[in-house]
Structures are given as structure tokens and as C-alpha cells.
Protein backbone atom coordinates (compact mmCIF):
# COMPACT_ATOMS: atom_id res chain seq x y z
CA MET A 1 -0.93 -5.19 -31.50
CA LYS A 2 -3.87 -4.04 -29.32
CA GLU A 3 -5.86 -7.09 -30.30
CA ARG A 4 -2.84 -9.27 -29.78
CA LEU A 5 -2.35 -8.07 -26.15
CA TRP A 6 -6.07 -8.53 -25.40
CA GLU A 7 -5.89 -12.00 -26.92
CA ILE A 8 -2.96 -12.89 -24.68
CA ALA A 9 -4.56 -11.53 -21.58
CA LYS A 10 -7.83 -13.43 -22.12
CA ALA A 11 -5.88 -16.65 -22.80
CA VAL A 12 -4.13 -16.49 -19.46
CA HIS A 13 -7.16 -15.11 -17.64
CA PRO A 14 -8.46 -18.60 -16.17
CA GLU A 15 -5.06 -19.21 -14.67
CA VAL A 16 -5.00 -15.70 -13.29
CA VAL A 17 -8.33 -16.41 -11.61
CA ALA A 18 -7.07 -19.79 -10.30
CA ASP A 19 -4.07 -18.28 -8.82
CA ARG A 20 -6.08 -15.34 -7.20
CA ARG A 21 -8.52 -17.80 -5.63
CA TRP A 22 -5.72 -19.93 -4.20
CA LEU A 23 -3.92 -16.90 -2.77
CA HIS A 24 -7.25 -15.69 -1.39
CA GLN A 25 -7.99 -18.87 0.31
CA HIS A 26 -4.49 -19.00 1.79
CA PRO A 27 -3.68 -15.55 3.11
CA GLU A 28 -0.54 -14.91 5.22
CA LEU A 29 0.33 -11.90 7.36
CA SER A 30 3.32 -9.55 6.82
CA TYR A 31 6.59 -11.30 7.39
CA GLN A 32 4.92 -14.75 7.40
CA GLU A 33 4.36 -15.23 3.67
CA LYS A 34 6.18 -18.59 3.53
CA GLU A 35 3.45 -20.54 1.55
CA THR A 36 2.55 -17.72 -0.58
CA SER A 37 6.28 -17.17 -1.69
CA ALA A 38 6.60 -20.90 -2.35
CA TYR A 39 3.48 -20.79 -4.51
CA ILE A 40 4.82 -17.92 -6.61
CA ALA A 41 8.08 -19.45 -7.16
CA GLN A 42 6.47 -22.86 -8.16
CA GLN A 43 4.42 -21.10 -10.61
CA LEU A 44 7.34 -19.16 -12.06
CA ARG A 45 9.35 -22.35 -12.31
CA LYS A 46 6.62 -24.03 -14.40
CA LEU A 47 6.98 -21.19 -16.87
CA GLY A 48 10.58 -21.68 -17.24
CA PHE A 49 11.82 -18.82 -14.97
CA GLU A 50 14.73 -19.37 -12.45
CA PRO A 51 13.22 -17.22 -9.56
CA GLN A 52 15.34 -15.76 -6.83
CA VAL A 53 13.75 -16.43 -3.48
CA GLY A 54 14.32 -15.17 0.15
CA ILE A 55 14.80 -11.59 -0.92
CA GLY A 56 13.95 -9.39 2.03
CA GLY A 57 12.41 -12.26 3.78
CA TYR A 58 9.96 -14.03 1.55
CA GLY A 59 10.30 -11.87 -1.50
CA VAL A 60 10.64 -13.31 -5.08
CA LYS A 61 12.41 -11.93 -8.08
CA ALA A 62 12.40 -13.17 -11.67
CA VAL A 63 13.89 -11.59 -14.76
CA LEU A 64 12.87 -11.98 -18.35
CA SER A 65 14.88 -10.50 -21.28
CA GLY A 66 13.57 -9.23 -24.66
CA LYS A 67 15.21 -10.01 -28.05
CA ARG A 68 16.97 -6.68 -28.35
CA PRO A 69 19.10 -4.61 -25.94
CA GLY A 70 17.22 -1.82 -23.91
CA PRO A 71 16.37 -0.60 -20.56
CA THR A 72 15.48 -2.51 -17.47
CA ILE A 73 12.13 -1.97 -15.87
CA ALA A 74 10.48 -3.49 -12.88
CA LEU A 75 6.91 -4.43 -12.15
CA ARG A 76 6.01 -4.93 -8.55
CA ALA A 77 3.23 -6.80 -6.78
CA ASP A 78 2.77 -7.05 -2.82
CA MET A 79 1.70 -10.38 -1.39
CA ASP A 80 0.67 -10.08 2.36
CA ALA A 81 -2.80 -10.14 3.86
CA LEU A 82 -4.43 -8.39 6.75
CA PRO A 83 -5.38 -9.47 10.15
CA ILE A 84 -9.15 -9.49 9.38
CA GLN A 85 -11.84 -12.32 9.90
CA GLU A 86 -13.35 -12.68 6.37
CA GLU A 87 -17.03 -12.38 6.09
CA THR A 88 -17.60 -12.82 2.26
CA GLY A 89 -18.94 -16.24 2.33
CA LEU A 90 -17.13 -17.03 -0.89
CA PRO A 91 -16.43 -20.61 -1.69
CA PHE A 92 -12.70 -19.75 -1.70
CA ALA A 93 -12.87 -17.55 1.44
CA SER A 94 -9.90 -17.70 3.69
CA VAL A 95 -9.07 -20.93 5.49
CA ASN A 96 -6.84 -19.10 7.95
CA PRO A 97 -8.74 -17.80 10.86
CA GLY A 98 -8.43 -14.03 11.37
CA VAL A 99 -6.51 -13.48 8.22
CA MET A 100 -7.84 -12.12 4.95
CA HIS A 101 -6.70 -10.61 1.61
CA ALA A 102 -8.79 -7.53 2.19
CA CYS A 103 -6.32 -5.11 0.45
CA GLY A 104 -6.34 -6.92 -2.89
CA HIS A 105 -2.69 -8.22 -2.76
CA ASP A 106 -3.92 -11.61 -3.97
CA CYS A 107 -5.17 -9.70 -7.11
CA HIS A 108 -1.91 -8.00 -7.57
CA VAL A 109 0.23 -11.31 -7.38
CA ALA A 110 -2.24 -13.16 -9.69
CA MET A 111 -2.10 -10.31 -12.32
CA LEU A 112 1.77 -10.15 -12.24
CA LEU A 113 1.81 -13.96 -12.49
CA GLY A 114 -0.58 -13.56 -15.46
CA ALA A 115 1.86 -10.94 -16.97
CA ALA A 116 4.70 -13.45 -16.60
CA ARG A 117 2.73 -16.00 -18.55
CA GLY A 118 1.74 -13.32 -21.10
CA LEU A 119 5.34 -12.27 -21.59
CA LYS A 120 6.36 -15.96 -22.25
CA LEU A 121 3.66 -15.85 -24.90
CA MET A 122 5.14 -12.68 -26.41
CA ASP A 123 8.31 -14.50 -26.97
CA GLY A 124 10.78 -11.58 -26.23
CA ASP A 125 8.97 -8.99 -28.46
CA TRP A 126 10.35 -6.01 -26.52
CA ALA A 127 13.81 -4.36 -25.95
CA GLY A 128 15.53 -4.66 -22.62
CA ASN A 129 14.80 -6.60 -19.33
CA VAL A 130 11.64 -7.04 -17.23
CA VAL A 131 12.11 -7.63 -13.52
CA LEU A 132 9.19 -9.22 -11.63
CA ILE A 133 9.13 -8.23 -8.03
CA PHE A 134 6.82 -10.05 -5.66
CA GLN A 135 7.13 -8.34 -2.49
CA PRO A 136 6.13 -9.28 1.24
CA ALA A 137 5.08 -7.08 4.03
CA GLU A 138 3.63 -3.95 2.48
CA GLU A 139 1.14 -3.70 5.31
CA GLN A 140 3.47 -3.49 8.22
CA GLY A 141 6.74 -1.49 8.79
CA PRO A 142 9.61 -1.36 8.27
CA GLY A 143 8.02 -2.66 4.98
CA GLY A 144 9.08 -5.35 2.56
CA ALA A 145 10.12 -2.89 -0.12
CA SER A 146 12.91 -1.39 2.15
CA LEU A 147 14.10 -4.99 2.96
CA MET A 148 14.10 -6.14 -0.69
CA ILE A 149 16.05 -3.01 -1.63
CA LYS A 150 18.63 -3.79 1.14
CA ASP A 151 19.02 -7.18 -0.53
CA ASP A 152 19.74 -5.47 -3.86
CA VAL A 153 16.43 -6.37 -5.57
CA LEU A 154 16.94 -3.38 -7.86
CA GLN A 155 20.36 -4.53 -9.04
CA ASN A 156 21.54 -7.36 -11.24
CA PRO A 157 20.23 -6.09 -13.66
CA ASP A 158 20.10 -2.48 -12.64
CA VAL A 159 16.47 -1.27 -12.66
CA GLU A 160 15.90 2.14 -14.28
CA ALA A 161 12.13 2.48 -13.85
CA ILE A 162 9.55 0.71 -11.61
CA PHE A 163 5.85 0.37 -11.89
CA ALA A 164 2.96 -0.91 -9.75
CA LEU A 165 -0.87 -1.29 -10.08
CA HIS A 166 -3.23 -1.21 -6.95
CA VAL A 167 -6.79 -2.45 -7.27
CA ASN A 168 -9.72 -0.30 -6.10
CA ALA A 169 -13.00 -1.88 -5.19
CA MET A 170 -15.03 1.22 -5.35
CA VAL A 171 -14.00 2.05 -9.04
CA PRO A 172 -15.82 0.27 -11.92
CA ALA A 173 -14.10 -2.82 -13.10
CA GLY A 174 -11.41 -2.30 -15.78
CA ARG A 175 -10.99 1.44 -15.46
CA LEU A 176 -7.40 2.58 -15.08
CA GLY A 177 -5.97 5.58 -13.25
CA PHE A 178 -2.77 7.44 -13.08
CA ALA A 179 -1.41 10.86 -11.86
CA PRO A 180 2.00 12.37 -11.44
CA GLY A 181 3.23 13.86 -8.34
CA PRO A 182 2.24 13.21 -4.67
CA MET A 183 -0.17 10.31 -4.47
CA LYS A 184 0.13 8.62 -1.08
CA ALA A 185 1.04 10.12 2.31
CA ALA A 186 4.00 9.73 4.52
CA SER A 187 2.70 7.64 7.51
CA ASP A 188 4.05 8.45 11.02
CA LYS A 189 2.78 7.14 14.49
CA PHE A 190 2.74 8.94 17.79
CA GLU A 191 2.22 8.10 21.41
CA ILE A 192 1.61 10.63 24.11
CA VAL A 193 1.87 9.58 27.76
CA ILE A 194 0.16 12.02 30.07
CA ARG A 195 1.04 11.88 33.62
CA GLY A 196 -0.90 13.52 36.53
CA ARG A 197 -1.87 12.52 40.04
CA GLY A 198 -4.55 9.93 40.60
CA GLY A 199 -7.03 9.67 43.33
CA HIS A 200 -10.55 9.02 44.32
CA GLY A 201 -13.22 9.99 41.80
CA ALA A 202 -15.24 11.70 44.51
CA HIS A 203 -12.49 13.97 45.38
CA PRO A 204 -11.20 15.33 41.96
CA HIS A 205 -9.89 18.47 43.52
CA LEU A 206 -7.12 16.45 45.12
CA THR A 207 -5.91 15.08 41.79
CA LYS A 208 -4.28 16.37 38.63
CA ASP A 209 -6.62 14.42 36.24
CA PRO A 210 -4.89 12.93 33.19
CA ILE A 211 -8.19 11.81 31.57
CA LEU A 212 -9.49 15.47 31.60
CA ALA A 213 -6.00 16.56 30.13
CA ALA A 214 -6.14 13.77 27.44
CA SER A 215 -9.63 14.95 26.43
CA SER A 216 -8.23 18.49 26.05
CA VAL A 217 -5.21 17.30 24.02
CA ILE A 218 -7.49 15.31 21.59
CA GLN A 219 -9.52 18.57 20.91
CA ALA A 220 -6.51 20.67 20.66
CA LEU A 221 -4.73 18.33 18.18
CA GLN A 222 -7.57 18.89 15.82
CA GLN A 223 -6.52 22.54 15.46
CA VAL A 224 -2.87 21.60 14.55
CA VAL A 225 -3.73 21.22 10.94
CA SER A 226 -6.62 23.72 10.61
CA ARG A 227 -4.56 26.57 12.17
CA ASN A 228 -0.97 25.81 10.92
CA VAL A 229 -1.00 24.12 7.62
CA MET A 230 -1.94 25.82 4.45
CA PRO A 231 -5.45 24.82 3.40
CA ALA A 232 -4.24 23.57 -0.03
CA GLU A 233 -1.72 21.29 1.57
CA PRO A 234 -2.87 17.76 2.58
CA ALA A 235 -2.28 16.83 6.26
CA VAL A 236 -4.06 14.62 8.83
CA VAL A 237 -3.70 14.21 12.63
CA SER A 238 -5.89 11.45 13.98
CA VAL A 239 -5.94 10.01 17.58
CA GLY A 240 -6.81 6.22 17.14
CA ALA A 241 -6.63 4.85 20.67
CA ILE A 242 -6.89 6.16 24.22
CA HIS A 243 -6.06 3.93 27.26
CA GLY A 244 -6.30 5.07 30.89
CA GLY A 245 -8.04 3.92 34.10
CA GLU A 246 -9.49 0.75 35.30
CA ALA A 247 -12.24 1.63 37.85
CA PRO A 248 -15.20 4.09 37.50
CA ASN A 249 -14.57 5.69 40.95
CA VAL A 250 -10.72 6.12 40.42
CA ILE A 251 -8.92 8.75 38.64
CA PRO A 252 -5.75 7.31 37.24
CA SER A 253 -2.27 8.81 37.34
CA GLU A 254 -1.56 8.09 33.57
CA VAL A 255 -3.32 8.05 30.17
CA VAL A 256 -1.81 7.16 26.94
CA LEU A 257 -2.89 8.48 23.64
CA SER A 258 -1.65 6.99 20.19
CA GLY A 259 -2.43 8.04 16.57
CA THR A 260 -1.21 8.69 13.15
CA VAL A 261 0.00 11.71 11.19
CA ARG A 262 -0.13 11.91 7.44
CA THR A 263 1.67 14.51 5.29
CA MET A 264 3.05 14.68 1.92
CA GLY A 265 6.71 14.79 2.98
CA GLU A 266 9.07 17.43 4.01
CA PRO A 267 9.32 20.12 5.42
CA LEU A 268 5.71 19.56 6.72
CA ARG A 269 6.47 16.20 8.05
CA THR A 270 9.01 17.68 10.58
CA LYS A 271 7.15 20.95 11.20
CA ILE A 272 3.89 19.16 12.28
CA ARG A 273 5.74 17.30 15.05
CA GLU A 274 6.99 20.61 16.39
CA TRP A 275 3.45 22.08 16.43
CA MET A 276 1.99 19.05 18.16
CA LYS A 277 4.47 18.96 20.76
CA ARG A 278 3.88 22.71 21.53
CA VAL A 279 0.13 22.02 21.74
CA ILE A 280 0.41 19.01 23.91
CA ASP A 281 2.77 20.56 26.31
CA GLY A 282 0.70 23.66 26.71
CA THR A 283 -2.54 21.74 27.07
CA VAL A 284 -1.34 19.38 29.77
CA ALA A 285 0.39 21.95 31.62
CA ALA A 286 -3.01 23.88 31.89
CA HIS A 287 -4.16 20.86 33.76
CA GLY A 288 -1.30 20.54 36.12
CA CYS A 289 -0.07 17.47 34.15
CA GLN A 290 3.10 16.48 32.05
CA ALA A 291 3.40 14.64 28.85
CA ASP A 292 6.18 12.73 27.04
CA VAL A 293 5.60 12.50 23.23
CA GLU A 294 7.27 9.93 20.93
CA PHE A 295 6.97 9.96 17.13
CA VAL A 296 7.89 6.84 15.02
CA SER A 297 8.51 7.40 11.41
CA GLY A 298 6.76 5.19 8.95
CA TYR A 299 6.66 5.00 5.20
CA PRO A 300 7.75 8.16 3.28
CA ALA A 301 5.24 9.77 0.81
CA VAL A 302 4.70 8.43 -2.61
CA HIS A 303 5.60 10.81 -5.33
CA ASN A 304 4.96 9.52 -8.78
CA ASP A 305 7.47 10.51 -11.34
CA PRO A 306 5.98 12.68 -14.15
CA GLU A 307 7.83 11.05 -17.04
CA GLN A 308 7.07 7.39 -15.99
CA THR A 309 3.47 8.21 -15.24
CA GLU A 310 3.04 9.43 -18.91
CA VAL A 311 4.73 6.17 -19.91
CA ALA A 312 2.11 4.20 -18.03
CA ARG A 313 -0.73 6.39 -19.48
CA ARG A 314 0.55 5.73 -23.00
CA ALA A 315 0.56 2.17 -22.23
CA ALA A 316 -3.01 2.23 -21.03
CA ARG A 317 -3.99 4.05 -24.22
CA ARG A 318 -2.58 0.96 -26.24
CA ILE A 319 -5.41 -1.24 -24.75
CA VAL A 320 -8.29 1.07 -23.66
CA PRO A 321 -9.90 4.13 -24.93
CA GLU A 322 -8.87 7.47 -23.28
CA GLU A 323 -12.28 7.83 -21.53
CA GLU A 324 -11.50 4.78 -19.55
CA ILE A 325 -8.41 6.19 -18.12
CA ASP A 326 -8.80 8.40 -14.99
CA VAL A 327 -6.80 11.01 -13.25
CA MET A 328 -6.15 9.23 -10.03
CA GLU A 329 -6.90 11.36 -7.03
CA LEU A 330 -4.46 11.94 -4.19
CA GLY A 331 -5.06 9.76 -1.04
CA MET A 332 -3.75 9.92 2.53
CA GLY A 333 -3.12 6.26 2.77
CA ALA A 334 0.52 4.89 2.83
CA GLU A 335 2.27 2.75 0.53
CA ASP A 336 5.82 1.39 0.88
CA PHE A 337 6.22 1.58 -2.84
CA ALA A 338 7.56 4.90 -1.96
CA TYR A 339 10.96 3.34 -0.93
CA TYR A 340 11.46 2.18 -4.63
CA LEU A 341 10.66 5.53 -5.73
CA GLU A 342 13.54 6.94 -3.61
CA LYS A 343 15.85 4.98 -5.64
CA VAL A 344 14.49 4.91 -9.20
CA PRO A 345 11.81 6.83 -11.08
CA GLY A 346 8.41 5.10 -11.32
CA THR A 347 4.70 5.31 -10.70
CA ILE A 348 1.94 3.41 -9.16
CA GLY A 349 -1.46 3.35 -10.88
CA ARG A 350 -4.98 2.06 -10.16
CA LEU A 351 -7.20 -0.69 -11.46
CA GLY A 352 -10.91 -0.63 -10.79
CA VAL A 353 -12.33 -4.04 -9.71
CA ALA A 354 -15.76 -3.11 -8.32
CA PRO A 355 -18.43 -5.74 -8.76
CA SER A 356 -21.10 -4.78 -11.21
CA SER A 357 -23.95 -5.62 -8.81
CA GLY A 358 -24.57 -5.77 -5.12
CA GLU A 359 -23.20 -3.61 -2.33
CA LEU A 360 -19.63 -2.18 -2.72
CA PHE A 361 -17.15 -2.56 0.22
CA PRO A 362 -13.74 -0.79 0.26
CA LEU A 363 -10.36 -2.19 0.72
CA HIS A 364 -9.77 -3.50 4.30
CA SER A 365 -13.43 -4.54 4.62
CA SER A 366 -14.12 -8.12 5.84
CA ARG A 367 -16.62 -8.14 3.12
CA LEU A 368 -14.42 -7.05 0.25
CA ARG A 369 -15.52 -8.59 -3.12
CA VAL A 370 -13.80 -7.86 -6.49
CA ASP A 371 -14.75 -8.44 -10.18
CA GLU A 372 -12.33 -10.86 -11.45
CA SER A 373 -12.96 -9.91 -15.09
CA ALA A 374 -10.87 -6.74 -14.46
CA PHE A 375 -7.87 -8.96 -14.27
CA VAL A 376 -7.88 -9.08 -18.13
CA THR A 377 -7.39 -5.35 -18.27
CA GLY A 378 -4.60 -5.60 -15.58
CA VAL A 379 -2.54 -8.24 -17.44
CA ALA A 380 -3.16 -6.61 -20.77
CA PHE A 381 -1.93 -3.37 -19.24
CA TRP A 382 1.36 -4.90 -17.80
CA LEU A 383 2.04 -6.36 -21.33
CA ALA A 384 1.48 -2.97 -22.89
CA LEU A 385 3.54 -1.29 -20.27
CA VAL A 386 6.56 -3.52 -21.07
CA GLN A 387 6.29 -2.76 -24.83
CA GLU A 388 5.79 0.97 -24.13
CA ALA A 389 8.55 1.40 -21.31
CA CYS A 390 11.05 -0.75 -23.09
CA THR A 391 10.99 1.48 -26.27
CA ALA A 392 10.19 4.81 -24.72
CA GLN A 393 13.36 5.23 -22.61
């Protein structure tokens, strides 16, 4: 069976590459994936699927049943791109100015379409149902996952487990990685408006300087994690933007700071806000200023289900040696796959796509390149997972 899965994955590989290159050349931002969605639906119809479209915006869903009764699992790929001007020089580089598939979502969609082709070639040789979810808007809140869930993407048939695979351009091509438990952080935003009393830069003693207060707040926030959070518990507080003042000789009356907070969920997600507010209020008060603080909740943390993670690892062992399967490390990035995991057990794994030569560039880089040969492993894994998950439950 291992040889058969590889044979199928290699057979569909040229079409996977062609899909990926079309998608890469025609990227669309979150909530704007009209042409991407149409392309996906068109390819599925060519294969004999009857895809559902318009789920959660531009989401697409297709269902394929095996020859025998069994569980229903879902495989998910995200489809949106990023607001980045591509600088790869590839012959199939983005034709849309300022938009690029810099996070590898073109790879995800292409491999899931490849899995759809492969499943057709397997002719129902599994038990149960496979739901293919092509999701829009992973990169921007409220997130396409939450919108597709509201549109009942996990029903009809009822999904019992869900899986995803994310590429990593810093990991050797073809290596797979999985791990149970917390994998991606809850992502929240904050905005701090510091108000003082403006005046002439030559007479600072007559002002209540919000710029000075803001600089002290930035320094103080760096102690929130180091002096409140247990060292073994991951947490990040980062200020990413500061806006205040327009003239070099004028002290403004207001400064705005904004940034991100990353935690692995409750109760720290709530507690860290309380600690930040206390530090901010005390710091600005020392400068004679006042502050308003607003937090906006983003995606929840990703917690991979241990049982489904082991199912994924067993599937990986069907196609590659154990030494090519890594224990995936925890990361503080965010991923709206977390919304699915709040509804059904599942896991998100990793596929290495790093080129074998030349400089490596990480995801979200304008110069990102991937090794397309890794797509064979990705498709073979999806096929192996269907066989494993649809007999293991």
C-alpha cells in the first residue's frame, strides 16, 4: 500500500504543481478570494465533485465517501494571500501588485486538490467520509474558520475529526512534523492611548509629556512577562507601533501605542491583561498622564488533540521512515484552525518545503521560495491519513 500511495501522489504531482503556480500567480487577500474560490470549484467539478461554494464567504466544501461505512473526517487548506510585494523573480510570480502568497497557502490548496485527485484514483478504498475544506481568510480576523463554522461546514455530514498541514520553508523538503498539545498561541491586540498636556519643546516643564510616558510604558511592558509569568509558560507582549507628534519642537498631547499579546490560552490570557493595565496606569501616572487601554481578542490558541495527533503520526509512518518525522516545536504565531479544534478533535502538522540550494527565506518573506517536490509527500500523507483515520476511529 505504501508503494501505491506514492505512485498515486507522483502521478498527480504535475497537476499539483500547475495548480500551485496558477494560485501563486493570482493571489487574493483575505475576504477577497473570488477567483481563487472559482478556480478551486472548477477543478473539483472536473474531478466529478459537486462542491458547495460561498461557505463563510468564499469557502468551498466537497465530500467524498468510501466504499464502507465509517467515520467522517475533514481535511482543511487555507487559500488567502498577504499584502506583500513579491520579490522572488519567479516566472509565475504574482501578477497582483502588493499581494503575494508568502505564507504558503497556495501550496496548501494545491496539495488538497492533489489529494482530491488521489482519492478519486483510490476508488473509495476507505471507510467513511472525507470532507475537503478550502477556507478563506486565515490571515485576518475574525477568520474564515469561524465564518465557515457558522455556515455549518462541519455538518452534513457531521465531522468527527479534522486535520491540517502547514508548510515551513525553513525545514528540509519532505520532512513531516507533529506534536500533541499547545502548538500555536492565542493572538490578541491592544491599543494604549496616553494623554498628557502638550506644549513647546523648549519648555518641557510646562507640559505633561506623553512621549516620555510612552517610552516608559514600552520599557515597563517588557517586565510583565518576565516578572509575572512562570518561566516555563510561553507568553509574549510586543509593542509594534507608536504614533505621536508631528513637529520636532512640539510636545504632543497624545501618543498611541499598539501591539500584540500571545499566550497559550486561559487563565493567562485574562491575567496578562490585568497585569498590563496595572503597569500602564502606574507608569503614566508617574508622568502626570492618563491612559485608556483597549484589548481586542483574536484567534484562540491551537491545542492539538493527542489521539488525533497520533493518528496523523501513524499515517506519516505509512509513507516515510520514522527518522523523517519530527516532533513539531511550539510557536507563538496564531492560526484560526483553533476554531475547528474547539468544535471537534484534530491536529495541524507541518511539511518542510525548504529549497535544497540557495538562501532560505521564512514564511511571510517577499522572497519566499519552496521546493515543489515536497508536494508529493504532502499528497501521499493526505491519502495515508484518510486510510488511517477512517479505520482508526
